């Protein structure tokens, strides 16, 4: 899984699978889901990111991962831009 934020395009793209997208669907205004040849979701794009999340600090993102054995507990991983 890979998350890319393009400040110039004002967009976020979440890659779920590295296979080629062959079809795209705008599921909501500015939210585009990409599908591969097997009709599996391979990516999600969010346009107009700054309008949707005006307080988003793209230099500092916090990810929370829940362990598979316990959905209640979670581990926080903080990533900072270099």
PDB file of N, CA and C in Angstrom:
ATOM      1  N   UNK A   1       0.857  -1.169   0.000  1.00  0.00           N
ATOM      2  CA  UNK A   1       0.000   0.000   0.000  1.00  0.00           C
ATOM      3  C   UNK A   1       0.902   1.231   0.000  1.00  0.00           C
ATOM      4  N   UNK A   2       0.489   2.217  -0.778  1.00  0.00           N
ATOM      5  CA  UNK A   2       1.297   3.428  -0.893  1.00  0.00           C
ATOM      6  C   UNK A   2       0.358   4.633  -0.926  1.00  0.00           C
ATOM      7  N   UNK A   3       0.739   5.672  -0.214  1.00  0.00           N
ATOM      8  CA  UNK A   3      -0.037   6.909  -0.184  1.00  0.00           C
ATOM      9  C   UNK A   3       0.807   8.018  -0.797  1.00  0.00           C
ATOM     10  N   UNK A   4       0.251   8.715  -1.788  1.00  0.00           N
ATOM     11  CA  UNK A   4       0.967   9.817  -2.430  1.00  0.00           C
ATOM     12  C   UNK A   4       0.104  11.063  -2.348  1.00  0.00           C
ATOM     13  N   UNK A   5       0.691  12.144  -1.864  1.00  0.00           N
ATOM     14  CA  UNK A   5       0.007  13.430  -1.823  1.00  0.00           C
ATOM     15  C   UNK A   5       0.734  14.354  -2.786  1.00  0.00           C
ATOM     16  N   UNK A   6      -0.004  14.878  -3.743  1.00  0.00           N
ATOM     17  CA  UNK A   6       0.544  15.788  -4.746  1.00  0.00           C
ATOM     18  C   UNK A   6      -0.020  17.174  -4.458  1.00  0.00           C
ATOM     19  N   UNK A   7       0.772  18.010  -3.798  1.00  0.00           N
ATOM     20  CA  UNK A   7       0.306  19.345  -3.419  1.00  0.00           C
ATOM     21  C   UNK A   7       0.016  20.215  -4.636  1.00  0.00           C
ATOM     22  N   UNK A   8       0.790  20.060  -5.694  1.00  0.00           N
ATOM     23  CA  UNK A   8       0.574  20.855  -6.901  1.00  0.00           C
ATOM     24  C   UNK A   8      -0.770  20.516  -7.557  1.00  0.00           C
ATOM     25  N   UNK A   9      -1.102  19.228  -7.593  1.00  0.00           N
ATOM     26  CA  UNK A   9      -2.382  18.794  -8.174  1.00  0.00           C
ATOM     27  C   UNK A   9      -3.515  18.868  -7.159  1.00  0.00           C
ATOM     28  N   UNK A  10      -3.166  19.120  -5.898  1.00  0.00           N
ATOM     29  CA  UNK A  10      -4.142  19.170  -4.803  1.00  0.00           C
ATOM     30  C   UNK A  10      -4.932  17.866  -4.733  1.00  0.00           C
ATOM     31  N   UNK A  11      -4.167  16.755  -4.744  1.00  0.00           N
ATOM     32  CA  UNK A  11      -4.788  15.436  -4.786  1.00  0.00           C
ATOM     33  C   UNK A  11      -4.024  14.439  -3.922  1.00  0.00           C
ATOM     34  N   UNK A  12      -4.739  13.400  -3.529  1.00  0.00           N
ATOM     35  CA  UNK A  12      -4.172  12.290  -2.770  1.00  0.00           C
ATOM     36  C   UNK A  12      -4.484  11.025  -3.546  1.00  0.00           C
ATOM     37  N   UNK A  13      -3.515  10.109  -3.617  1.00  0.00           N
ATOM     38  CA  UNK A  13      -3.763   8.829  -4.283  1.00  0.00           C
ATOM     39  C   UNK A  13      -3.291   7.713  -3.378  1.00  0.00           C
ATOM     40  N   UNK A  14      -4.176   6.770  -3.106  1.00  0.00           N
ATOM     41  CA  UNK A  14      -3.870   5.596  -2.294  1.00  0.00           C
ATOM     42  C   UNK A  14      -3.787   4.398  -3.231  1.00  0.00           C
ATOM     43  N   UNK A  15      -2.581   3.837  -3.355  1.00  0.00           N
ATOM     44  CA  UNK A  15      -2.371   2.652  -4.184  1.00  0.00           C
ATOM     45  C   UNK A  15      -2.552   1.427  -3.305  1.00  0.00           C
ATOM     46  N   UNK A  16      -3.471   0.560  -3.688  1.00  0.00           N
ATOM     47  CA  UNK A  16      -3.739  -0.663  -2.930  1.00  0.00           C
ATOM     48  C   UNK A  16      -3.103  -1.879  -3.581  1.00  0.00           C
ATOM     49  N   UNK A  17      -2.880  -1.803  -4.882  1.00  0.00           N
ATOM     50  CA  UNK A  17      -2.364  -2.926  -5.665  1.00  0.00           C
ATOM     51  C   UNK A  17      -1.580  -2.332  -6.828  1.00  0.00           C
ATOM     52  N   UNK A  18      -0.453  -2.922  -7.170  1.00  0.00           N
ATOM     53  CA  UNK A  18       0.394  -2.384  -8.235  1.00  0.00           C
ATOM     54  C   UNK A  18      -0.065  -2.782  -9.640  1.00  0.00           C
ATOM     55  N   UNK A  19      -1.139  -3.569  -9.758  1.00  0.00           N
ATOM     56  CA  UNK A  19      -1.604  -3.947 -11.097  1.00  0.00           C
ATOM     57  C   UNK A  19      -2.191  -2.737 -11.819  1.00  0.00           C
ATOM     58  N   UNK A  20      -2.236  -2.812 -13.135  1.00  0.00           N
ATOM     59  CA  UNK A  20      -2.705  -1.696 -13.957  1.00  0.00           C
ATOM     60  C   UNK A  20      -4.201  -1.462 -13.795  1.00  0.00           C
ATOM     61  N   UNK A  21      -4.567  -0.197 -13.710  1.00  0.00           N
ATOM     62  CA  UNK A  21      -5.982   0.172 -13.683  1.00  0.00           C
ATOM     63  C   UNK A  21      -6.499   0.166 -15.114  1.00  0.00           C
ATOM     64  N   UNK A  22      -7.636  -0.482 -15.320  1.00  0.00           N
ATOM     65  CA  UNK A  22      -8.228  -0.527 -16.660  1.00  0.00           C
ATOM     66  C   UNK A  22      -9.565   0.203 -16.709  1.00  0.00           C
ATOM     67  N   UNK A  23     -10.080   0.550 -15.540  1.00  0.00           N
ATOM     68  CA  UNK A  23     -11.359   1.252 -15.471  1.00  0.00           C
ATOM     69  C   UNK A  23     -11.371   2.141 -14.236  1.00  0.00           C
ATOM     70  N   UNK A  24     -12.025   3.274 -14.345  1.00  0.00           N
ATOM     71  CA  UNK A  24     -12.156   4.206 -13.223  1.00  0.00           C
ATOM     72  C   UNK A  24     -13.615   4.593 -13.068  1.00  0.00           C
ATOM     73  N   UNK A  25     -13.994   4.862 -11.827  1.00  0.00           N
ATOM     74  CA  UNK A  25     -15.368   5.270 -11.541  1.00  0.00           C
ATOM     75  C   UNK A  25     -15.342   6.402 -10.522  1.00  0.00           C
ATOM     76  N   UNK A  26     -16.013   7.491 -10.822  1.00  0.00           N
ATOM     77  CA  UNK A  26     -16.142   8.584  -9.859  1.00  0.00           C
ATOM     78  C   UNK A  26     -17.329   8.231  -8.962  1.00  0.00           C
ATOM     79  N   UNK A  27     -17.027   7.785  -7.735  1.00  0.00           N
ATOM     80  CA  UNK A  27     -18.065   7.294  -6.829  1.00  0.00           C
ATOM     81  C   UNK A  27     -18.738   8.416  -6.058  1.00  0.00           C
ATOM     82  N   UNK A  28     -18.090   9.556  -6.016  1.00  0.00           N
ATOM     83  CA  UNK A  28     -18.585  10.753  -5.354  1.00  0.00           C
ATOM     84  C   UNK A  28     -17.829  11.903  -6.010  1.00  0.00           C
ATOM     85  N   UNK A  29     -18.341  13.124  -5.979  1.00  0.00           N
ATOM     86  CA  UNK A  29     -17.609  14.213  -6.629  1.00  0.00           C
ATOM     87  C   UNK A  29     -16.154  14.317  -6.138  1.00  0.00           C
ATOM     88  N   UNK A  30     -15.213  14.132  -7.060  1.00  0.00           N
ATOM     89  CA  UNK A  30     -13.797  14.232  -6.728  1.00  0.00           C
ATOM     90  C   UNK A  30     -13.200  13.004  -6.070  1.00  0.00           C
ATOM     91  N   UNK A  31     -13.955  11.906  -5.966  1.00  0.00           N
ATOM     92  CA  UNK A  31     -13.439  10.644  -5.415  1.00  0.00           C
ATOM     93  C   UNK A  31     -13.502   9.607  -6.533  1.00  0.00           C
ATOM     94  N   UNK A  32     -12.333   9.153  -6.970  1.00  0.00           N
ATOM     95  CA  UNK A  32     -12.251   8.248  -8.113  1.00  0.00           C
ATOM     96  C   UNK A  32     -11.638   6.931  -7.664  1.00  0.00           C
ATOM     97  N   UNK A  33     -12.310   5.838  -7.999  1.00  0.00           N
ATOM     98  CA  UNK A  33     -11.834   4.497  -7.671  1.00  0.00           C
ATOM     99  C   UNK A  33     -11.355   3.843  -8.962  1.00  0.00           C
ATOM    100  N   UNK A  34     -10.142   3.293  -8.928  1.00  0.00           N
ATOM    101  CA  UNK A  34      -9.565   2.607 -10.083  1.00  0.00           C
ATOM    102  C   UNK A  34      -9.656   1.098  -9.884  1.00  0.00           C
ATOM    103  N   UNK A  35      -9.989   0.385 -10.968  1.00  0.00           N
ATOM    104  CA  UNK A  35     -10.149  -1.070 -10.938  1.00  0.00           C
ATOM    105  C   UNK A  35      -9.192  -1.718 -11.932  1.00  0.00           C
ATOM    106  N   UNK A  36      -8.741  -2.944 -11.615  1.00  0.00           N
ATOM    107  CA  UNK A  36      -7.900  -3.693 -12.545  1.00  0.00           C
ATOM    108  C   UNK A  36      -8.773  -4.581 -13.432  1.00  0.00           C
ATOM    109  N   UNK A  37      -8.147  -5.418 -14.256  1.00  0.00           N
ATOM    110  CA  UNK A  37      -8.875  -6.275 -15.196  1.00  0.00           C
ATOM    111  C   UNK A  37      -9.767  -7.291 -14.490  1.00  0.00           C
ATOM    112  N   UNK A  38      -9.450  -7.625 -13.242  1.00  0.00           N
ATOM    113  CA  UNK A  38     -10.273  -8.564 -12.466  1.00  0.00           C
ATOM    114  C   UNK A  38     -11.363  -7.853 -11.679  1.00  0.00           C
ATOM    115  N   UNK A  39     -11.528  -6.558 -11.918  1.00  0.00           N
ATOM    116  CA  UNK A  39     -12.529  -5.727 -11.244  1.00  0.00           C
ATOM    117  C   UNK A  39     -12.249  -5.544  -9.746  1.00  0.00           C
ATOM    118  N   UNK A  40     -10.965  -5.645  -9.367  1.00  0.00           N
ATOM    119  CA  UNK A  40     -10.560  -5.381  -7.987  1.00  0.00           C
ATOM    120  C   UNK A  40     -10.097  -3.929  -7.877  1.00  0.00           C
ATOM    121  N   UNK A  41     -10.350  -3.316  -6.741  1.00  0.00           N
ATOM    122  CA  UNK A  41      -9.915  -1.935  -6.513  1.00  0.00           C
ATOM    123  C   UNK A  41      -8.391  -1.915  -6.388  1.00  0.00           C
ATOM    124  N   UNK A  42      -7.749  -1.076  -7.202  1.00  0.00           N
ATOM    125  CA  UNK A  42      -6.292  -0.955  -7.146  1.00  0.00           C
ATOM    126  C   UNK A  42      -5.842   0.404  -6.631  1.00  0.00           C
ATOM    127  N   UNK A  43      -6.758   1.378  -6.626  1.00  0.00           N
ATOM    128  CA  UNK A  43      -6.388   2.696  -6.136  1.00  0.00           C
ATOM    129  C   UNK A  43      -7.591   3.588  -5.922  1.00  0.00           C
ATOM    130  N   UNK A  44      -7.390   4.585  -5.079  1.00  0.00           N
ATOM    131  CA  UNK A  44      -8.433   5.562  -4.777  1.00  0.00           C
ATOM    132  C   UNK A  44      -7.796   6.945  -4.841  1.00  0.00           C
ATOM    133  N   UNK A  45      -8.413   7.840  -5.594  1.00  0.00           N
ATOM    134  CA  UNK A  45      -7.913   9.204  -5.729  1.00  0.00           C
ATOM    135  C   UNK A  45      -8.913  10.180  -5.121  1.00  0.00           C
ATOM    136  N   UNK A  46      -8.388  11.135  -4.377  1.00  0.00           N
ATOM    137  CA  UNK A  46      -9.214  12.190  -3.791  1.00  0.00           C
ATOM    138  C   UNK A  46      -8.715  13.519  -4.345  1.00  0.00           C
ATOM    139  N   UNK A  47      -9.577  14.200  -5.091  1.00  0.00           N
ATOM    140  CA  UNK A  47      -9.240  15.498  -5.666  1.00  0.00           C
ATOM    141  C   UNK A  47      -9.681  16.618  -4.732  1.00  0.00           C
ATOM    142  N   UNK A  48      -9.138  17.810  -4.948  1.00  0.00           N
ATOM    143  CA  UNK A  48      -9.479  18.996  -4.144  1.00  0.00           C
ATOM    144  C   UNK A  48      -9.190  18.749  -2.656  1.00  0.00           C
ATOM    145  N   UNK A  49      -8.036  18.176  -2.382  1.00  0.00           N
ATOM    146  CA  UNK A  49      -7.665  17.778  -1.027  1.00  0.00           C
ATOM    147  C   UNK A  49      -7.685  18.942  -0.046  1.00  0.00           C
ATOM    148  N   UNK A  50      -7.166  20.094  -0.433  1.00  0.00           N
ATOM    149  CA  UNK A  50      -7.098  21.231   0.499  1.00  0.00           C
ATOM    150  C   UNK A  50      -8.482  21.758   0.860  1.00  0.00           C
ATOM    151  N   UNK A  51      -9.447  21.610  -0.036  1.00  0.00           N
ATOM    152  CA  UNK A  51     -10.815  22.046   0.262  1.00  0.00           C
ATOM    153  C   UNK A  51     -11.527  21.055   1.174  1.00  0.00           C
ATOM    154  N   UNK A  52     -11.186  19.771   1.038  1.00  0.00           N
ATOM    155  CA  UNK A  52     -11.818  18.727   1.854  1.00  0.00           C
ATOM    156  C   UNK A  52     -11.243  18.690   3.268  1.00  0.00           C
ATOM    157  N   UNK A  53      -9.955  18.964   3.368  1.00  0.00           N
ATOM    158  CA  UNK A  53      -9.250  18.879   4.648  1.00  0.00           C
ATOM    159  C   UNK A  53      -8.396  20.124   4.831  1.00  0.00           C
ATOM    160  N   UNK A  54      -9.005  21.275   5.089  1.00  0.00           N
ATOM    161  CA  UNK A  54      -8.241  22.531   5.135  1.00  0.00           C
ATOM    162  C   UNK A  54      -7.165  22.569   6.215  1.00  0.00           C
ATOM    163  N   UNK A  55      -7.287  21.771   7.255  1.00  0.00           N
ATOM    164  CA  UNK A  55      -6.291  21.793   8.334  1.00  0.00           C
ATOM    165  C   UNK A  55      -5.262  20.672   8.200  1.00  0.00           C
ATOM    166  N   UNK A  56      -5.284  19.946   7.085  1.00  0.00           N
ATOM    167  CA  UNK A  56      -4.363  18.835   6.887  1.00  0.00           C
ATOM    168  C   UNK A  56      -2.928  19.335   6.770  1.00  0.00           C
ATOM    169  N   UNK A  57      -2.058  18.801   7.609  1.00  0.00           N
ATOM    170  CA  UNK A  57      -0.632  19.105   7.554  1.00  0.00           C
ATOM    171  C   UNK A  57       0.039  17.953   6.816  1.00  0.00           C
ATOM    172  N   UNK A  58       0.287  18.125   5.525  1.00  0.00           N
ATOM    173  CA  UNK A  58       0.846  17.032   4.732  1.00  0.00           C
ATOM    174  C   UNK A  58       2.291  16.715   5.096  1.00  0.00           C
ATOM    175  N   UNK A  59       2.938  17.567   5.848  1.00  0.00           N
ATOM    176  CA  UNK A  59       4.304  17.293   6.289  1.00  0.00           C
ATOM    177  C   UNK A  59       4.323  16.330   7.472  1.00  0.00           C
ATOM    178  N   UNK A  60       3.170  16.131   8.093  1.00  0.00           N
ATOM    179  CA  UNK A  60       3.123  15.268   9.271  1.00  0.00           C
ATOM    180  C   UNK A  60       1.814  14.480   9.251  1.00  0.00           C
ATOM    181  N   UNK A  61       1.925  13.197   8.977  1.00  0.00           N
ATOM    182  CA  UNK A  61       0.752  12.336   8.914  1.00  0.00           C
ATOM    183  C   UNK A  61       0.846  11.263   9.987  1.00  0.00           C
ATOM    184  N   UNK A  62      -0.268  10.889  10.540  1.00  0.00           N
ATOM    185  CA  UNK A  62      -0.323   9.867  11.580  1.00  0.00           C
ATOM    186  C   UNK A  62      -1.123   8.692  11.054  1.00  0.00           C
ATOM    187  N   UNK A  63      -0.539   7.507  11.112  1.00  0.00           N
ATOM    188  CA  UNK A  63      -1.214   6.297  10.670  1.00  0.00           C
ATOM    189  C   UNK A  63      -1.475   5.418  11.882  1.00  0.00           C
ATOM    190  N   UNK A  64      -2.609   4.788  11.910  1.00  0.00           N
ATOM    191  CA  UNK A  64      -2.962   3.896  13.009  1.00  0.00           C
ATOM    192  C   UNK A  64      -3.209   2.516  12.431  1.00  0.00           C
ATOM    193  N   UNK A  65      -2.497   1.529  12.963  1.00  0.00           N
ATOM    194  CA  UNK A  65      -2.630   0.155  12.488  1.00  0.00           C
ATOM    195  C   UNK A  65      -3.175  -0.705  13.610  1.00  0.00           C
ATOM    196  N   UNK A  66      -4.284  -1.365  13.365  1.00  0.00           N
ATOM    197  CA  UNK A  66      -4.870  -2.267  14.348  1.00  0.00           C
ATOM    198  C   UNK A  66      -4.310  -3.664  14.110  1.00  0.00           C
ATOM    199  N   UNK A  67      -3.784  -4.316  15.154  1.00  0.00           N
ATOM    200  CA  UNK A  67      -3.281  -5.683  14.996  1.00  0.00           C
ATOM    201  C   UNK A  67      -4.418  -6.619  14.593  1.00  0.00           C
ATOM    202  N   UNK A  68      -4.107  -7.610  13.771  1.00  0.00           N
ATOM    203  CA  UNK A  68      -5.123  -8.555  13.299  1.00  0.00           C
ATOM    204  C   UNK A  68      -5.730  -9.348  14.448  1.00  0.00           C
ATOM    205  N   UNK A  69      -4.957  -9.590  15.505  1.00  0.00           N
ATOM    206  CA  UNK A  69      -5.453 -10.405  16.615  1.00  0.00           C
ATOM    207  C   UNK A  69      -6.400  -9.645  17.529  1.00  0.00           C
ATOM    208  N   UNK A  70      -6.335  -8.326  17.541  1.00  0.00           N
ATOM    209  CA  UNK A  70      -7.183  -7.547  18.439  1.00  0.00           C
ATOM    210  C   UNK A  70      -7.588  -6.239  17.774  1.00  0.00           C
ATOM    211  N   UNK A  71      -8.846  -6.128  17.345  1.00  0.00           N
ATOM    212  CA  UNK A  71      -9.271  -4.890  16.701  1.00  0.00           C
ATOM    213  C   UNK A  71      -9.383  -3.708  17.658  1.00  0.00           C
ATOM    214  N   UNK A  72      -9.305  -3.970  18.968  1.00  0.00           N
ATOM    215  CA  UNK A  72      -9.445  -2.897  19.948  1.00  0.00           C
ATOM    216  C   UNK A  72      -8.129  -2.157  20.142  1.00  0.00           C
ATOM    217  N   UNK A  73      -7.028  -2.895  20.223  1.00  0.00           N
ATOM    218  CA  UNK A  73      -5.717  -2.278  20.409  1.00  0.00           C
ATOM    219  C   UNK A  73      -5.218  -1.735  19.083  1.00  0.00           C
ATOM    220  N   UNK A  74      -4.360  -0.756  19.158  1.00  0.00           N
ATOM    221  CA  UNK A  74      -3.779  -0.222  17.931  1.00  0.00           C
ATOM    222  C   UNK A  74      -2.367   0.261  18.198  1.00  0.00           C
ATOM    223  N   UNK A  75      -1.605   0.338  17.155  1.00  0.00           N
ATOM    224  CA  UNK A  75      -0.236   0.839  17.230  1.00  0.00           C
ATOM    225  C   UNK A  75      -0.171   2.078  16.366  1.00  0.00           C
ATOM    226  N   UNK A  76       0.360   3.150  16.902  1.00  0.00           N
ATOM    227  CA  UNK A  76       0.451   4.390  16.136  1.00  0.00           C
ATOM    228  C   UNK A  76       1.848   4.530  15.565  1.00  0.00           C
ATOM    229  N   UNK A  77       1.894   4.899  14.317  1.00  0.00           N
ATOM    230  CA  UNK A  77       3.155   5.123  13.628  1.00  0.00           C
ATOM    231  C   UNK A  77       3.103   6.529  13.073  1.00  0.00           C
ATOM    232  N   UNK A  78       4.053   7.355  13.456  1.00  0.00           N
ATOM    233  CA  UNK A  78       4.077   8.734  12.980  1.00  0.00           C
ATOM    234  C   UNK A  78       5.157   8.873  11.927  1.00  0.00           C
ATOM    235  N   UNK A  79       4.780   9.391  10.775  1.00  0.00           N
ATOM    236  CA  UNK A  79       5.721   9.609   9.685  1.00  0.00           C
ATOM    237  C   UNK A  79       5.883  11.093   9.468  1.00  0.00           C
ATOM    238  N   UNK A  80       7.097  11.521   9.258  1.00  0.00           N
ATOM    239  CA  UNK A  80       7.361  12.931   8.975  1.00  0.00           C
ATOM    240  C   UNK A  80       8.028  13.043   7.628  1.00  0.00           C
ATOM    241  N   UNK A  81       7.709  14.102   6.901  1.00  0.00           N
ATOM    242  CA  UNK A  81       8.368  14.370   5.629  1.00  0.00           C
ATOM    243  C   UNK A  81       9.791  14.810   5.885  1.00  0.00           C
ATOM    244  N   UNK A  82      10.703  14.386   5.040  1.00  0.00           N
ATOM    245  CA  UNK A  82      12.108  14.807   5.168  1.00  0.00           C
ATOM    246  C   UNK A  82      12.300  16.150   4.550  1.00  0.00           C
TER     247      UNK A  82
END
